[in-house]
Amino acid sequence: MAFDKNISVKPIKFGTTDVTFDERGSSFLAMRRIQWCKDGDEPDESKARLELRKWIVDKDGSELANKGFSFLTDDGPHELAKALVKEGFGKTGEILGELVKRDDFKDAVNNFGKDEEDGSDEDYFDMRQLLTNLDVVEDEE
């Protein structure tokens, strides 16, 4: 696929996903939901993709896109998060702190370890209660 250098495209940000996760000097790495639009084209949020990209801030404060990528599938970001945690990246306390804020946390904990085939309705513990009472459990042992 050949690129036409005479066509101007610009990034259009959608949603609230705009996270800077690393920076040094005038460069930063960000996760954003973006659609790249040709001048004159109408932005379409359904065409926006989650991407990870290096950005450079020039002297006048403008952001210049550098190398980056968007995910091939909707599962890509989930698989990346799982792989990073599995490989030991992220501070466990910070990750747990973010997980307990999620709406699906309690259901995920209650269903953790359940075999879908056994049809068990047995409730499991509430991970939030376990985490908030952790030092009490440790003291009893």
C-alpha atoms as a PDB file:
ATOM      1  CA  MET A   1       0.000   0.000   0.000  1.00  0.00           C
ATOM      2  CA  ALA A   2       1.528   3.296  -1.054  1.00  0.00           C
ATOM      3  CA  PHE A   3       1.091   6.464   0.965  1.00  0.00           C
ATOM      4  CA  ASP A   4       0.327   9.773  -0.688  1.00  0.00           C
ATOM      5  CA  LYS A   5       2.510  12.443   0.908  1.00  0.00           C
ATOM      6  CA  ASN A   6       0.144  15.163  -0.350  1.00  0.00           C
ATOM      7  CA  ILE A   7      -2.766  13.999   1.823  1.00  0.00           C
ATOM      8  CA  SER A   8      -2.925  15.541   5.271  1.00  0.00           C
ATOM      9  CA  VAL A   9      -4.311  13.437   8.117  1.00  0.00           C
ATOM     10  CA  LYS A  10      -4.824  14.422  11.722  1.00  0.00           C
ATOM     11  CA  PRO A  11      -5.640  12.475  14.885  1.00  0.00           C
ATOM     12  CA  ILE A  12      -9.124  12.992  16.351  1.00  0.00           C
ATOM     13  CA  LYS A  13      -9.436  11.897  20.003  1.00  0.00           C
ATOM     14  CA  PHE A  14     -12.653  10.261  21.196  1.00  0.00           C
ATOM     15  CA  GLY A  15     -13.854   9.391  24.673  1.00  0.00           C
ATOM     16  CA  THR A  16     -12.039   9.828  27.938  1.00  0.00           C
ATOM     17  CA  THR A  17      -9.186   7.422  27.212  1.00  0.00           C
ATOM     18  CA  ASP A  18      -6.154   9.697  27.183  1.00  0.00           C
ATOM     19  CA  VAL A  19      -3.503   8.233  29.467  1.00  0.00           C
ATOM     20  CA  THR A  20       0.161   9.227  29.499  1.00  0.00           C
ATOM     21  CA  PHE A  21       2.078   6.268  30.917  1.00  0.00           C
ATOM     22  CA  ASP A  22       5.721   7.236  30.336  1.00  0.00           C
ATOM     23  CA  GLU A  23       7.542  10.470  29.599  1.00  0.00           C
ATOM     24  CA  ARG A  24      11.030  11.884  29.284  1.00  0.00           C
ATOM     25  CA  GLY A  25      12.111  15.270  28.007  1.00  0.00           C
ATOM     26  CA  SER A  26       9.783  16.389  25.238  1.00  0.00           C
ATOM     27  CA  SER A  27       8.543  12.860  24.474  1.00  0.00           C
ATOM     28  CA  PHE A  28       5.749  10.858  26.037  1.00  0.00           C
ATOM     29  CA  LEU A  29       3.933   7.563  25.491  1.00  0.00           C
ATOM     30  CA  ALA A  30       0.152   7.641  25.560  1.00  0.00           C
ATOM     31  CA  MET A  31      -2.865   5.383  25.259  1.00  0.00           C
ATOM     32  CA  ARG A  32      -5.678   7.116  23.387  1.00  0.00           C
ATOM     33  CA  ARG A  33      -8.810   6.276  21.394  1.00  0.00           C
ATOM     34  CA  ILE A  34      -8.105   7.912  18.023  1.00  0.00           C
ATOM     35  CA  GLN A  35      -9.340   8.063  14.465  1.00  0.00           C
ATOM     36  CA  TRP A  36      -6.943   9.361  11.844  1.00  0.00           C
ATOM     37  CA  CYS A  37      -8.947  11.633   9.513  1.00  0.00           C
ATOM     38  CA  LYS A  38      -8.081  13.159   6.169  1.00  0.00           C
ATOM     39  CA  ASP A  39      -8.630  16.901   5.986  1.00  0.00           C
ATOM     40  CA  GLY A  40     -12.248  17.499   5.039  1.00  0.00           C
ATOM     41  CA  ASP A  41     -13.478  14.068   6.208  1.00  0.00           C
ATOM     42  CA  GLU A  42     -16.055  13.938   8.973  1.00  0.00           C
ATOM     43  CA  PRO A  43     -14.789  12.148  12.136  1.00  0.00           C
ATOM     44  CA  ASP A  44     -16.654   8.928  12.972  1.00  0.00           C
ATOM     45  CA  GLU A  45     -16.306   7.584  16.515  1.00  0.00           C
ATOM     46  CA  SER A  46     -17.094   4.048  15.335  1.00  0.00           C
ATOM     47  CA  LYS A  47     -13.822   4.124  13.369  1.00  0.00           C
ATOM     48  CA  ALA A  48     -11.723   5.242  16.359  1.00  0.00           C
ATOM     49  CA  ARG A  49      -9.253   2.652  17.643  1.00  0.00           C
ATOM     50  CA  LEU A  50      -7.347   2.310  20.888  1.00  0.00           C
ATOM     51  CA  GLU A  51      -3.696   2.968  20.185  1.00  0.00           C
ATOM     52  CA  LEU A  52      -0.396   3.181  22.013  1.00  0.00           C
ATOM     53  CA  ARG A  53       1.884   5.822  20.522  1.00  0.00           C
ATOM     54  CA  LYS A  54       4.978   7.892  21.180  1.00  0.00           C
ATOM     55  CA  TRP A  55       4.325  11.632  20.905  1.00  0.00           C
ATOM     56  CA  ILE A  56       6.809  14.496  20.731  1.00  0.00           C
ATOM     57  CA  VAL A  57       5.951  17.988  21.921  1.00  0.00           C
ATOM     58  CA  ASP A  58       7.567  20.661  19.744  1.00  0.00           C
ATOM     59  CA  LYS A  59       8.668  24.159  20.786  1.00  0.00           C
ATOM     60  CA  ASP A  60       5.212  25.695  20.296  1.00  0.00           C
ATOM     61  CA  GLY A  61       3.496  22.967  22.372  1.00  0.00           C
ATOM     62  CA  SER A  62       2.054  21.007  19.439  1.00  0.00           C
ATOM     63  CA  GLU A  63       2.006  17.223  19.694  1.00  0.00           C
ATOM     64  CA  LEU A  64       3.650  15.379  16.827  1.00  0.00           C
ATOM     65  CA  ALA A  65       2.774  11.705  16.347  1.00  0.00           C
ATOM     66  CA  ASN A  66       5.661   9.277  16.259  1.00  0.00           C
ATOM     67  CA  LYS A  67       5.693   5.495  16.086  1.00  0.00           C
ATOM     68  CA  GLY A  68       2.735   3.651  17.513  1.00  0.00           C
ATOM     69  CA  PHE A  69       0.133   0.994  16.897  1.00  0.00           C
ATOM     70  CA  SER A  70      -3.519   0.186  17.291  1.00  0.00           C
ATOM     71  CA  PHE A  71      -4.813  -3.232  18.279  1.00  0.00           C
ATOM     72  CA  LEU A  72      -5.911  -5.737  15.647  1.00  0.00           C
ATOM     73  CA  THR A  73      -8.902  -7.018  17.635  1.00  0.00           C
ATOM     74  CA  ASP A  74     -11.120  -5.912  20.528  1.00  0.00           C
ATOM     75  CA  ASP A  75      -9.423  -8.562  22.689  1.00  0.00           C
ATOM     76  CA  GLY A  76      -5.945  -7.107  22.069  1.00  0.00           C
ATOM     77  CA  PRO A  77      -5.929  -4.622  24.977  1.00  0.00           C
ATOM     78  CA  HIS A  78      -7.251  -7.272  27.394  1.00  0.00           C
ATOM     79  CA  GLU A  79      -4.604  -9.756  26.297  1.00  0.00           C
ATOM     80  CA  LEU A  80      -1.881  -7.103  26.675  1.00  0.00           C
ATOM     81  CA  ALA A  81      -3.011  -6.285  30.222  1.00  0.00           C
ATOM     82  CA  LYS A  82      -3.059  -9.997  31.124  1.00  0.00           C
ATOM     83  CA  ALA A  83       0.388 -10.564  29.576  1.00  0.00           C
ATOM     84  CA  LEU A  84       1.938  -7.593  31.415  1.00  0.00           C
ATOM     85  CA  VAL A  85       0.619  -8.818  34.767  1.00  0.00           C
ATOM     86  CA  LYS A  86       1.625 -12.412  34.028  1.00  0.00           C
ATOM     87  CA  GLU A  87       5.178 -11.282  33.209  1.00  0.00           C
ATOM     88  CA  GLY A  88       5.438  -9.460  36.529  1.00  0.00           C
ATOM     89  CA  PHE A  89       4.896  -5.883  35.363  1.00  0.00           C
ATOM     90  CA  GLY A  90       2.878  -3.479  37.482  1.00  0.00           C
ATOM     91  CA  LYS A  91       2.890  -2.969  41.218  1.00  0.00           C
ATOM     92  CA  THR A  92       0.521  -5.499  42.742  1.00  0.00           C
ATOM     93  CA  GLY A  93      -0.972  -3.075  45.261  1.00  0.00           C
ATOM     94  CA  GLU A  94      -1.674  -0.471  42.584  1.00  0.00           C
ATOM     95  CA  ILE A  95      -3.205  -3.062  40.254  1.00  0.00           C
ATOM     96  CA  LEU A  96      -5.453  -4.402  43.034  1.00  0.00           C
ATOM     97  CA  GLY A  97      -6.377  -0.840  43.973  1.00  0.00           C
ATOM     98  CA  GLU A  98      -7.644  -0.226  40.437  1.00  0.00           C
ATOM     99  CA  LEU A  99      -9.353  -3.622  40.165  1.00  0.00           C
ATOM    100  CA  VAL A 100     -11.469  -3.145  43.297  1.00  0.00           C
ATOM    101  CA  LYS A 101     -12.908   0.062  41.742  1.00  0.00           C
ATOM    102  CA  ARG A 102     -14.337  -1.827  38.775  1.00  0.00           C
ATOM    103  CA  ASP A 103     -18.062  -2.551  38.601  1.00  0.00           C
ATOM    104  CA  ASP A 104     -17.406  -6.177  37.621  1.00  0.00           C
ATOM    105  CA  PHE A 105     -14.953  -6.890  40.453  1.00  0.00           C
ATOM    106  CA  LYS A 106     -17.307  -8.629  42.899  1.00  0.00           C
ATOM    107  CA  ASP A 107     -18.841 -10.829  40.198  1.00  0.00           C
ATOM    108  CA  ALA A 108     -15.390 -11.762  38.910  1.00  0.00           C
ATOM    109  CA  VAL A 109     -14.240 -12.746  42.408  1.00  0.00           C
ATOM    110  CA  ASN A 110     -17.443 -14.686  43.124  1.00  0.00           C
ATOM    111  CA  ASN A 111     -17.061 -16.600  39.866  1.00  0.00           C
ATOM    112  CA  PHE A 112     -13.301 -17.099  40.107  1.00  0.00           C
ATOM    113  CA  GLY A 113     -12.419 -20.763  40.028  1.00  0.00           C
ATOM    114  CA  LYS A 114     -15.930 -21.951  39.274  1.00  0.00           C
ATOM    115  CA  ASP A 115     -16.079 -24.665  36.707  1.00  0.00           C
ATOM    116  CA  GLU A 116     -18.792 -23.737  34.232  1.00  0.00           C
ATOM    117  CA  GLU A 117     -19.673 -27.398  33.803  1.00  0.00           C
ATOM    118  CA  ASP A 118     -20.358 -28.113  37.487  1.00  0.00           C
ATOM    119  CA  GLY A 119     -23.179 -25.535  37.643  1.00  0.00           C
ATOM    120  CA  SER A 120     -22.255 -24.703  41.224  1.00  0.00           C
ATOM    121  CA  ASP A 121     -24.152 -21.796  42.775  1.00  0.00           C
ATOM    122  CA  GLU A 122     -21.862 -21.723  45.818  1.00  0.00           C
ATOM    123  CA  ASP A 123     -20.778 -18.170  46.673  1.00  0.00           C
ATOM    124  CA  TYR A 124     -17.111 -17.448  47.100  1.00  0.00           C
ATOM    125  CA  PHE A 125     -15.579 -14.839  49.380  1.00  0.00           C
ATOM    126  CA  ASP A 126     -15.690 -11.109  48.696  1.00  0.00           C
ATOM    127  CA  MET A 127     -12.116 -10.201  47.702  1.00  0.00           C
ATOM    128  CA  ARG A 128     -12.608  -6.635  48.969  1.00  0.00           C
ATOM    129  CA  GLN A 129     -13.392  -7.945  52.447  1.00  0.00           C
ATOM    130  CA  LEU A 130     -10.371 -10.235  52.296  1.00  0.00           C
ATOM    131  CA  LEU A 131      -8.093  -7.370  51.234  1.00  0.00           C
ATOM    132  CA  THR A 132      -9.352  -4.932  53.857  1.00  0.00           C
ATOM    133  CA  ASN A 133      -8.968  -7.526  56.650  1.00  0.00           C
ATOM    134  CA  LEU A 134      -5.609  -8.881  55.483  1.00  0.00           C
ATOM    135  CA  ASP A 135      -3.590  -7.876  58.558  1.00  0.00           C
ATOM    136  CA  VAL A 136      -6.216  -9.403  60.878  1.00  0.00           C
ATOM    137  CA  VAL A 137      -5.850 -12.754  59.078  1.00  0.00           C
ATOM    138  CA  GLU A 138      -2.050 -12.567  59.212  1.00  0.00           C
ATOM    139  CA  ASP A 139      -2.075 -11.757  62.952  1.00  0.00           C
ATOM    140  CA  GLU A 140      -4.219 -14.790  63.771  1.00  0.00           C
ATOM    141  CA  GLU A 141      -1.751 -17.241  62.195  1.00  0.00           C
END
